[in-house]
PDB file of all heavy atoms in Angstrom:
ATOM      1  N   GLY A   1       0.766  -1.225   0.025  1.00  0.00           N
ATOM      2  CA  GLY A   1      -0.023  -0.020  -0.020  1.00  0.00           C
ATOM      3  C   GLY A   1       0.801   1.331  -0.026  1.00  0.00           C
ATOM      4  O   GLY A   1       0.194   2.407   0.035  1.00  0.00           O
ATOM      5  N   LYS A   2       2.148   1.112  -0.052  1.00  0.00           N
ATOM      6  CA  LYS A   2       2.980   2.286   0.008  1.00  0.00           C
ATOM      7  C   LYS A   2       3.651   2.715  -1.271  1.00  0.00           C
ATOM      8  O   LYS A   2       4.525   3.462  -1.474  1.00  0.00           O
ATOM      9  CB  LYS A   2       4.233   1.977   1.004  1.00  0.00           C
ATOM     10  CG  LYS A   2       3.744   1.559   2.345  1.00  0.00           C
ATOM     11  CD  LYS A   2       3.012   2.695   3.145  1.00  0.00           C
ATOM     12  CE  LYS A   2       2.652   2.206   4.456  1.00  0.00           C
ATOM     13  NZ  LYS A   2       1.891   3.204   5.245  1.00  0.00           N
ATOM     14  N   LYS A   3       3.003   2.085  -2.459  1.00  0.00           N
ATOM     15  CA  LYS A   3       3.695   2.310  -3.785  1.00  0.00           C
ATOM     16  C   LYS A   3       3.718   3.756  -4.178  1.00  0.00           C
ATOM     17  O   LYS A   3       4.785   4.267  -4.554  1.00  0.00           O
ATOM     18  CB  LYS A   3       2.885   1.504  -4.820  1.00  0.00           C
ATOM     19  CG  LYS A   3       3.465   1.687  -6.204  1.00  0.00           C
ATOM     20  CD  LYS A   3       2.704   0.812  -7.286  1.00  0.00           C
ATOM     21  CE  LYS A   3       3.210   0.984  -8.623  1.00  0.00           C
ATOM     22  NZ  LYS A   3       2.462   0.169  -9.639  1.00  0.00           N
ATOM     23  N   GLU A   4       2.611   4.474  -3.969  1.00  0.00           N
ATOM     24  CA  GLU A   4       2.579   5.862  -4.433  1.00  0.00           C
ATOM     25  C   GLU A   4       3.546   6.812  -3.590  1.00  0.00           C
ATOM     26  O   GLU A   4       4.253   7.600  -4.144  1.00  0.00           O
ATOM     27  CB  GLU A   4       1.124   6.416  -4.270  1.00  0.00           C
ATOM     28  CG  GLU A   4       0.163   5.772  -5.298  1.00  0.00           C
ATOM     29  CD  GLU A   4      -1.181   6.511  -5.135  1.00  0.00           C
ATOM     30  OE1 GLU A   4      -1.402   7.449  -4.427  1.00  0.00           O
ATOM     31  OE2 GLU A   4      -2.113   5.898  -5.888  1.00  0.00           O
ATOM     32  N   GLU A   5       3.564   6.476  -2.289  1.00  0.00           N
ATOM     33  CA  GLU A   5       4.463   7.275  -1.440  1.00  0.00           C
ATOM     34  C   GLU A   5       5.933   6.995  -1.829  1.00  0.00           C
ATOM     35  O   GLU A   5       6.672   8.052  -1.910  1.00  0.00           O
ATOM     36  CB  GLU A   5       4.264   6.853   0.013  1.00  0.00           C
ATOM     37  CG  GLU A   5       2.956   7.303   0.629  1.00  0.00           C
ATOM     38  CD  GLU A   5       2.783   6.859   2.057  1.00  0.00           C
ATOM     39  OE1 GLU A   5       3.569   7.293   2.877  1.00  0.00           O
ATOM     40  OE2 GLU A   5       1.904   5.999   2.412  1.00  0.00           O
ATOM     41  N   ILE A   6       6.290   5.798  -2.058  1.00  0.00           N
ATOM     42  CA  ILE A   6       7.615   5.485  -2.410  1.00  0.00           C
ATOM     43  C   ILE A   6       7.987   6.041  -3.720  1.00  0.00           C
ATOM     44  O   ILE A   6       9.209   6.561  -4.004  1.00  0.00           O
ATOM     45  CB  ILE A   6       7.887   3.935  -2.395  1.00  0.00           C
ATOM     46  CG1 ILE A   6       7.809   3.438  -0.863  1.00  0.00           C
ATOM     47  CG2 ILE A   6       9.316   3.571  -2.987  1.00  0.00           C
ATOM     48  CD1 ILE A   6       7.941   1.947  -0.757  1.00  0.00           C
ATOM     49  N   THR A   7       7.040   5.988  -4.718  1.00  0.00           N
ATOM     50  CA  THR A   7       7.282   6.534  -6.029  1.00  0.00           C
ATOM     51  C   THR A   7       7.550   8.014  -5.916  1.00  0.00           C
ATOM     52  O   THR A   7       8.522   8.541  -6.555  1.00  0.00           O
ATOM     53  CB  THR A   7       6.093   6.357  -6.841  1.00  0.00           C
ATOM     54  OG1 THR A   7       5.724   4.929  -7.045  1.00  0.00           O
ATOM     55  CG2 THR A   7       6.299   6.910  -8.292  1.00  0.00           C
ATOM     56  N   GLU A   8       6.780   8.730  -5.080  1.00  0.00           N
ATOM     57  CA  GLU A   8       7.024  10.164  -4.813  1.00  0.00           C
ATOM     58  C   GLU A   8       8.417  10.503  -4.225  1.00  0.00           C
ATOM     59  O   GLU A   8       9.097  11.418  -4.619  1.00  0.00           O
ATOM     60  CB  GLU A   8       5.949  10.861  -4.069  1.00  0.00           C
ATOM     61  CG  GLU A   8       4.624  10.939  -4.740  1.00  0.00           C
ATOM     62  CD  GLU A   8       4.631  11.706  -6.057  1.00  0.00           C
ATOM     63  OE1 GLU A   8       5.196  12.840  -5.962  1.00  0.00           O
ATOM     64  OE2 GLU A   8       4.119  11.277  -7.094  1.00  0.00           O
ATOM     65  N   LEU A   9       8.722   9.643  -3.274  1.00  0.00           N
ATOM     66  CA  LEU A   9      10.002   9.742  -2.700  1.00  0.00           C
ATOM     67  C   LEU A   9      11.175   9.620  -3.625  1.00  0.00           C
ATOM     68  O   LEU A   9      12.189  10.241  -3.541  1.00  0.00           O
ATOM     69  CB  LEU A   9      10.087   8.865  -1.415  1.00  0.00           C
ATOM     70  CG  LEU A   9       9.230   9.128  -0.277  1.00  0.00           C
ATOM     71  CD1 LEU A   9       9.214   8.050   0.753  1.00  0.00           C
ATOM     72  CD2 LEU A   9       9.657  10.428   0.442  1.00  0.00           C
ATOM     73  N   ARG A  10      11.053   8.640  -4.496  1.00  0.00           N
ATOM     74  CA  ARG A  10      12.125   8.343  -5.448  1.00  0.00           C
ATOM     75  C   ARG A  10      12.208   9.467  -6.484  1.00  0.00           C
ATOM     76  O   ARG A  10      13.320   9.715  -6.936  1.00  0.00           O
ATOM     77  CB  ARG A  10      11.811   7.014  -6.178  1.00  0.00           C
ATOM     78  CG  ARG A  10      12.036   5.807  -5.245  1.00  0.00           C
ATOM     79  CD  ARG A  10      13.484   5.719  -4.825  1.00  0.00           C
ATOM     80  NE  ARG A  10      14.423   5.356  -5.866  1.00  0.00           N
ATOM     81  CZ  ARG A  10      15.737   5.583  -5.771  1.00  0.00           C
ATOM     82  NH1 ARG A  10      16.290   6.144  -4.745  1.00  0.00           N
ATOM     83  NH2 ARG A  10      16.554   5.149  -6.869  1.00  0.00           N
ATOM     84  N   LYS A  11      11.060  10.103  -6.806  1.00  0.00           N
ATOM     85  CA  LYS A  11      11.074  11.236  -7.730  1.00  0.00           C
ATOM     86  C   LYS A  11      11.869  12.399  -7.067  1.00  0.00           C
ATOM     87  O   LYS A  11      12.479  13.168  -7.794  1.00  0.00           O
ATOM     88  CB  LYS A  11       9.724  11.652  -8.058  1.00  0.00           C
ATOM     89  CG  LYS A  11       8.893  10.657  -9.014  1.00  0.00           C
ATOM     90  CD  LYS A  11       7.479  11.214  -9.326  1.00  0.00           C
ATOM     91  CE  LYS A  11       6.802  10.321 -10.265  1.00  0.00           C
ATOM     92  NZ  LYS A  11       5.416  10.747 -10.534  1.00  0.00           N
ATOM     93  N   LYS A  12      11.798  12.442  -5.754  1.00  0.00           N
ATOM     94  CA  LYS A  12      12.561  13.515  -5.087  1.00  0.00           C
ATOM     95  C   LYS A  12      14.033  13.117  -4.746  1.00  0.00           C
ATOM     96  O   LYS A  12      14.777  13.774  -4.010  1.00  0.00           O
ATOM     97  CB  LYS A  12      11.791  13.821  -3.827  1.00  0.00           C
ATOM     98  CG  LYS A  12      10.491  14.430  -3.993  1.00  0.00           C
ATOM     99  CD  LYS A  12       9.773  14.710  -2.685  1.00  0.00           C
ATOM    100  CE  LYS A  12       8.419  15.207  -2.793  1.00  0.00           C
ATOM    101  NZ  LYS A  12       7.663  15.343  -1.524  1.00  0.00           N
ATOM    102  N   GLN A  13      14.394  11.939  -5.424  1.00  0.00           N
ATOM    103  CA  GLN A  13      15.755  11.342  -5.214  1.00  0.00           C
ATOM    104  C   GLN A  13      16.111  11.020  -3.810  1.00  0.00           C
ATOM    105  O   GLN A  13      17.235  11.126  -3.402  1.00  0.00           O
ATOM    106  CB  GLN A  13      16.794  12.421  -5.817  1.00  0.00           C
ATOM    107  CG  GLN A  13      16.601  12.606  -7.251  1.00  0.00           C
ATOM    108  CD  GLN A  13      17.594  13.484  -7.951  1.00  0.00           C
ATOM    109  OE1 GLN A  13      18.233  14.321  -7.173  1.00  0.00           O
ATOM    110  NE2 GLN A  13      17.926  13.391  -9.194  1.00  0.00           N
ATOM    111  N   ILE A  14      15.121  10.584  -3.107  1.00  0.00           N
ATOM    112  CA  ILE A  14      15.368  10.024  -1.746  1.00  0.00           C
ATOM    113  C   ILE A  14      15.965   8.637  -1.883  1.00  0.00           C
ATOM    114  O   ILE A  14      15.300   7.838  -2.589  1.00  0.00           O
ATOM    115  CB  ILE A  14      14.054  10.004  -0.927  1.00  0.00           C
ATOM    116  CG1 ILE A  14      13.349  11.373  -0.905  1.00  0.00           C
ATOM    117  CG2 ILE A  14      14.387   9.449   0.486  1.00  0.00           C
ATOM    118  CD1 ILE A  14      14.232  12.381  -0.212  1.00  0.00           C
ATOM    119  N   GLY A  15      17.030   8.339  -1.194  1.00  0.00           N
ATOM    120  CA  GLY A  15      17.686   7.006  -1.318  1.00  0.00           C
ATOM    121  C   GLY A  15      16.890   5.866  -0.713  1.00  0.00           C
ATOM    122  O   GLY A  15      15.954   6.056   0.131  1.00  0.00           O
ATOM    123  N   LYS A  16      17.182   4.720  -1.189  1.00  0.00           N
ATOM    124  CA  LYS A  16      16.541   3.522  -0.744  1.00  0.00           C
ATOM    125  C   LYS A  16      16.624   3.255   0.740  1.00  0.00           C
ATOM    126  O   LYS A  16      15.787   2.847   1.508  1.00  0.00           O
ATOM    127  CB  LYS A  16      16.990   2.258  -1.484  1.00  0.00           C
ATOM    128  CG  LYS A  16      16.569   2.314  -2.964  1.00  0.00           C
ATOM    129  CD  LYS A  16      17.169   1.053  -3.731  1.00  0.00           C
ATOM    130  CE  LYS A  16      16.879   1.240  -5.172  1.00  0.00           C
ATOM    131  NZ  LYS A  16      17.504   0.099  -5.965  1.00  0.00           N
ATOM    132  N   SER A  17      17.908   3.502   1.207  1.00  0.00           N
ATOM    133  CA  SER A  17      18.123   3.347   2.783  1.00  0.00           C
ATOM    134  C   SER A  17      17.353   4.342   3.536  1.00  0.00           C
ATOM    135  O   SER A  17      16.867   3.913   4.602  1.00  0.00           O
ATOM    136  CB  SER A  17      19.667   3.481   2.952  1.00  0.00           C
ATOM    137  OG  SER A  17      20.418   2.638   2.325  1.00  0.00           O
ATOM    138  N   ALA A  18      17.302   5.540   3.093  1.00  0.00           N
ATOM    139  CA  ALA A  18      16.510   6.613   3.777  1.00  0.00           C
ATOM    140  C   ALA A  18      14.978   6.103   3.872  1.00  0.00           C
ATOM    141  O   ALA A  18      14.306   6.290   4.782  1.00  0.00           O
ATOM    142  CB  ALA A  18      16.669   7.972   3.199  1.00  0.00           C
ATOM    143  N   ILE A  19      14.456   5.695   2.648  1.00  0.00           N
ATOM    144  CA  ILE A  19      13.123   5.256   2.614  1.00  0.00           C
ATOM    145  C   ILE A  19      12.817   4.050   3.568  1.00  0.00           C
ATOM    146  O   ILE A  19      11.875   3.988   4.263  1.00  0.00           O
ATOM    147  CB  ILE A  19      12.672   4.786   1.158  1.00  0.00           C
ATOM    148  CG1 ILE A  19      12.746   5.971   0.232  1.00  0.00           C
ATOM    149  CG2 ILE A  19      11.330   4.087   1.116  1.00  0.00           C
ATOM    150  CD1 ILE A  19      12.612   5.765  -1.285  1.00  0.00           C
ATOM    151  N   GLY A  20      13.785   3.087   3.592  1.00  0.00           N
ATOM    152  CA  GLY A  20      13.740   2.039   4.529  1.00  0.00           C
ATOM    153  C   GLY A  20      13.610   2.444   5.998  1.00  0.00           C
ATOM    154  O   GLY A  20      12.783   1.914   6.699  1.00  0.00           O
ATOM    155  N   ARG A  21      14.376   3.558   6.290  1.00  0.00           N
ATOM    156  CA  ARG A  21      14.295   3.978   7.684  1.00  0.00           C
ATOM    157  C   ARG A  21      12.956   4.626   7.957  1.00  0.00           C
ATOM    158  O   ARG A  21      12.426   4.519   9.099  1.00  0.00           O
ATOM    159  CB  ARG A  21      15.401   4.995   7.916  1.00  0.00           C
ATOM    160  CG  ARG A  21      16.804   4.360   8.048  1.00  0.00           C
ATOM    161  CD  ARG A  21      17.866   5.384   8.606  1.00  0.00           C
ATOM    162  NE  ARG A  21      18.132   6.433   7.691  1.00  0.00           N
ATOM    163  CZ  ARG A  21      19.004   6.365   6.663  1.00  0.00           C
ATOM    164  NH1 ARG A  21      19.754   5.292   6.592  1.00  0.00           N
ATOM    165  NH2 ARG A  21      19.205   7.410   5.967  1.00  0.00           N
ATOM    166  N   MET A  22      12.379   5.262   6.901  1.00  0.00           N
ATOM    167  CA  MET A  22      11.077   5.956   7.099  1.00  0.00           C
ATOM    168  C   MET A  22       9.916   4.844   7.509  1.00  0.00           C
ATOM    169  O   MET A  22       9.066   5.153   8.367  1.00  0.00           O
ATOM    170  CB  MET A  22      10.671   6.685   5.876  1.00  0.00           C
ATOM    171  CG  MET A  22      11.456   7.835   5.607  1.00  0.00           C
ATOM    172  SD  MET A  22      11.033   8.664   4.097  1.00  0.00           S
ATOM    173  CE  MET A  22      12.232   9.897   3.849  1.00  0.00           C
ATOM    174  N   PHE A  23      10.110   3.716   6.786  1.00  0.00           N
ATOM    175  CA  PHE A  23       9.054   2.719   6.988  1.00  0.00           C
ATOM    176  C   PHE A  23       9.451   1.505   7.891  1.00  0.00           C
ATOM    177  O   PHE A  23       8.653   0.583   7.948  1.00  0.00           O
ATOM    178  CB  PHE A  23       8.644   2.164   5.587  1.00  0.00           C
ATOM    179  CG  PHE A  23       7.922   3.128   4.703  1.00  0.00           C
ATOM    180  CD1 PHE A  23       8.616   3.754   3.716  1.00  0.00           C
ATOM    181  CD2 PHE A  23       6.672   3.679   4.911  1.00  0.00           C
ATOM    182  CE1 PHE A  23       8.053   4.790   2.867  1.00  0.00           C
ATOM    183  CE2 PHE A  23       6.090   4.649   4.150  1.00  0.00           C
ATOM    184  CZ  PHE A  23       6.755   5.151   3.085  1.00  0.00           C
ATOM    185  N   GLY A  24      10.582   1.614   8.503  1.00  0.00           N
ATOM    186  CA  GLY A  24      10.998   0.554   9.381  1.00  0.00           C
ATOM    187  C   GLY A  24      11.431  -0.710   8.741  1.00  0.00           C
ATOM    188  O   GLY A  24      11.218  -1.810   9.358  1.00  0.00           O
ATOM    189  N   VAL A  25      12.020  -0.621   7.570  1.00  0.00           N
ATOM    190  CA  VAL A  25      12.475  -1.859   6.918  1.00  0.00           C
ATOM    191  C   VAL A  25      13.867  -1.647   6.388  1.00  0.00           C
ATOM    192  O   VAL A  25      14.393  -0.473   6.435  1.00  0.00           O
ATOM    193  CB  VAL A  25      11.519  -2.188   5.690  1.00  0.00           C
ATOM    194  CG1 VAL A  25      10.130  -2.478   6.163  1.00  0.00           C
ATOM    195  CG2 VAL A  25      11.502  -1.116   4.660  1.00  0.00           C
ATOM    196  N   ASN A  26      14.617  -2.629   5.935  1.00  0.00           N
ATOM    197  CA  ASN A  26      15.901  -2.464   5.429  1.00  0.00           C
ATOM    198  C   ASN A  26      15.882  -2.041   3.893  1.00  0.00           C
ATOM    199  O   ASN A  26      14.928  -2.165   3.241  1.00  0.00           O
ATOM    200  CB  ASN A  26      16.840  -3.708   5.758  1.00  0.00           C
ATOM    201  CG  ASN A  26      16.301  -4.984   4.964  1.00  0.00           C
ATOM    202  OD1 ASN A  26      15.847  -4.864   3.865  1.00  0.00           O
ATOM    203  ND2 ASN A  26      16.367  -5.998   5.658  1.00  0.00           N
ATOM    204  N   ARG A  27      17.103  -1.759   3.511  1.00  0.00           N
ATOM    205  CA  ARG A  27      17.221  -1.262   2.053  1.00  0.00           C
ATOM    206  C   ARG A  27      16.847  -2.349   1.065  1.00  0.00           C
ATOM    207  O   ARG A  27      16.288  -2.058   0.035  1.00  0.00           O
ATOM    208  CB  ARG A  27      18.789  -0.880   1.800  1.00  0.00           C
ATOM    209  CG  ARG A  27      18.999  -0.328   0.424  1.00  0.00           C
ATOM    210  CD  ARG A  27      20.486  -0.112   0.283  1.00  0.00           C
ATOM    211  NE  ARG A  27      20.739   0.429  -1.082  1.00  0.00           N
ATOM    212  CZ  ARG A  27      20.727  -0.184  -2.351  1.00  0.00           C
ATOM    213  NH1 ARG A  27      20.481  -1.550  -2.236  1.00  0.00           N
ATOM    214  NH2 ARG A  27      20.974   0.349  -3.414  1.00  0.00           N
ATOM    215  N   MET A  28      17.217  -3.628   1.315  1.00  0.00           N
ATOM    216  CA  MET A  28      16.934  -4.693   0.343  1.00  0.00           C
ATOM    217  C   MET A  28      15.390  -4.892   0.205  1.00  0.00           C
ATOM    218  O   MET A  28      14.941  -5.252  -0.841  1.00  0.00           O
ATOM    219  CB  MET A  28      17.521  -6.009   0.824  1.00  0.00           C
ATOM    220  CG  MET A  28      19.115  -5.998   0.856  1.00  0.00           C
ATOM    221  SD  MET A  28      19.678  -5.544  -0.839  1.00  0.00           S
ATOM    222  CE  MET A  28      18.977  -7.004  -1.720  1.00  0.00           C
ATOM    223  N   THR A  29      14.648  -4.689   1.365  1.00  0.00           N
ATOM    224  CA  THR A  29      13.112  -4.795   1.289  1.00  0.00           C
ATOM    225  C   THR A  29      12.564  -3.707   0.389  1.00  0.00           C
ATOM    226  O   THR A  29      11.672  -3.984  -0.474  1.00  0.00           O
ATOM    227  CB  THR A  29      12.480  -4.662   2.710  1.00  0.00           C
ATOM    228  OG1 THR A  29      13.075  -5.671   3.498  1.00  0.00           O
ATOM    229  CG2 THR A  29      11.061  -4.800   2.612  1.00  0.00           C
ATOM    230  N   VAL A  30      13.132  -2.454   0.417  1.00  0.00           N
ATOM    231  CA  VAL A  30      12.683  -1.488  -0.416  1.00  0.00           C
ATOM    232  C   VAL A  30      13.027  -1.761  -1.833  1.00  0.00           C
ATOM    233  O   VAL A  30      12.187  -1.559  -2.766  1.00  0.00           O
ATOM    234  CB  VAL A  30      13.378  -0.122  -0.004  1.00  0.00           C
ATOM    235  CG1 VAL A  30      13.041   1.028  -0.984  1.00  0.00           C
ATOM    236  CG2 VAL A  30      12.986   0.287   1.421  1.00  0.00           C
ATOM    237  N   ASP A  31      14.274  -2.239  -2.063  1.00  0.00           N
ATOM    238  CA  ASP A  31      14.709  -2.589  -3.451  1.00  0.00           C
ATOM    239  C   ASP A  31      13.814  -3.622  -4.077  1.00  0.00           C
ATOM    240  O   ASP A  31      13.389  -3.485  -5.231  1.00  0.00           O
ATOM    241  CB  ASP A  31      16.153  -3.117  -3.377  1.00  0.00           C
ATOM    242  CG  ASP A  31      16.671  -3.266  -4.741  1.00  0.00           C
ATOM    243  OD1 ASP A  31      16.880  -2.280  -5.530  1.00  0.00           O
ATOM    244  OD2 ASP A  31      17.033  -4.384  -5.104  1.00  0.00           O
ATOM    245  N   THR A  32      13.457  -4.730  -3.191  1.00  0.00           N
ATOM    246  CA  THR A  32      12.696  -5.794  -3.769  1.00  0.00           C
ATOM    247  C   THR A  32      11.239  -5.213  -4.131  1.00  0.00           C
ATOM    248  O   THR A  32      10.603  -5.562  -5.146  1.00  0.00           O
ATOM    249  CB  THR A  32      12.514  -6.929  -2.681  1.00  0.00           C
ATOM    250  OG1 THR A  32      13.837  -7.423  -2.536  1.00  0.00           O
ATOM    251  CG2 THR A  32      11.626  -8.050  -3.270  1.00  0.00           C
TER     252      THR A  32
END
């Protein structure tokens, strides 16, 4: 359910590790 939020964050060039910290998961989970 976080696809739109993550898409917007990536458009703002937010890194995968930073996104992971926002949602309480690791970088690999975000990447997958």
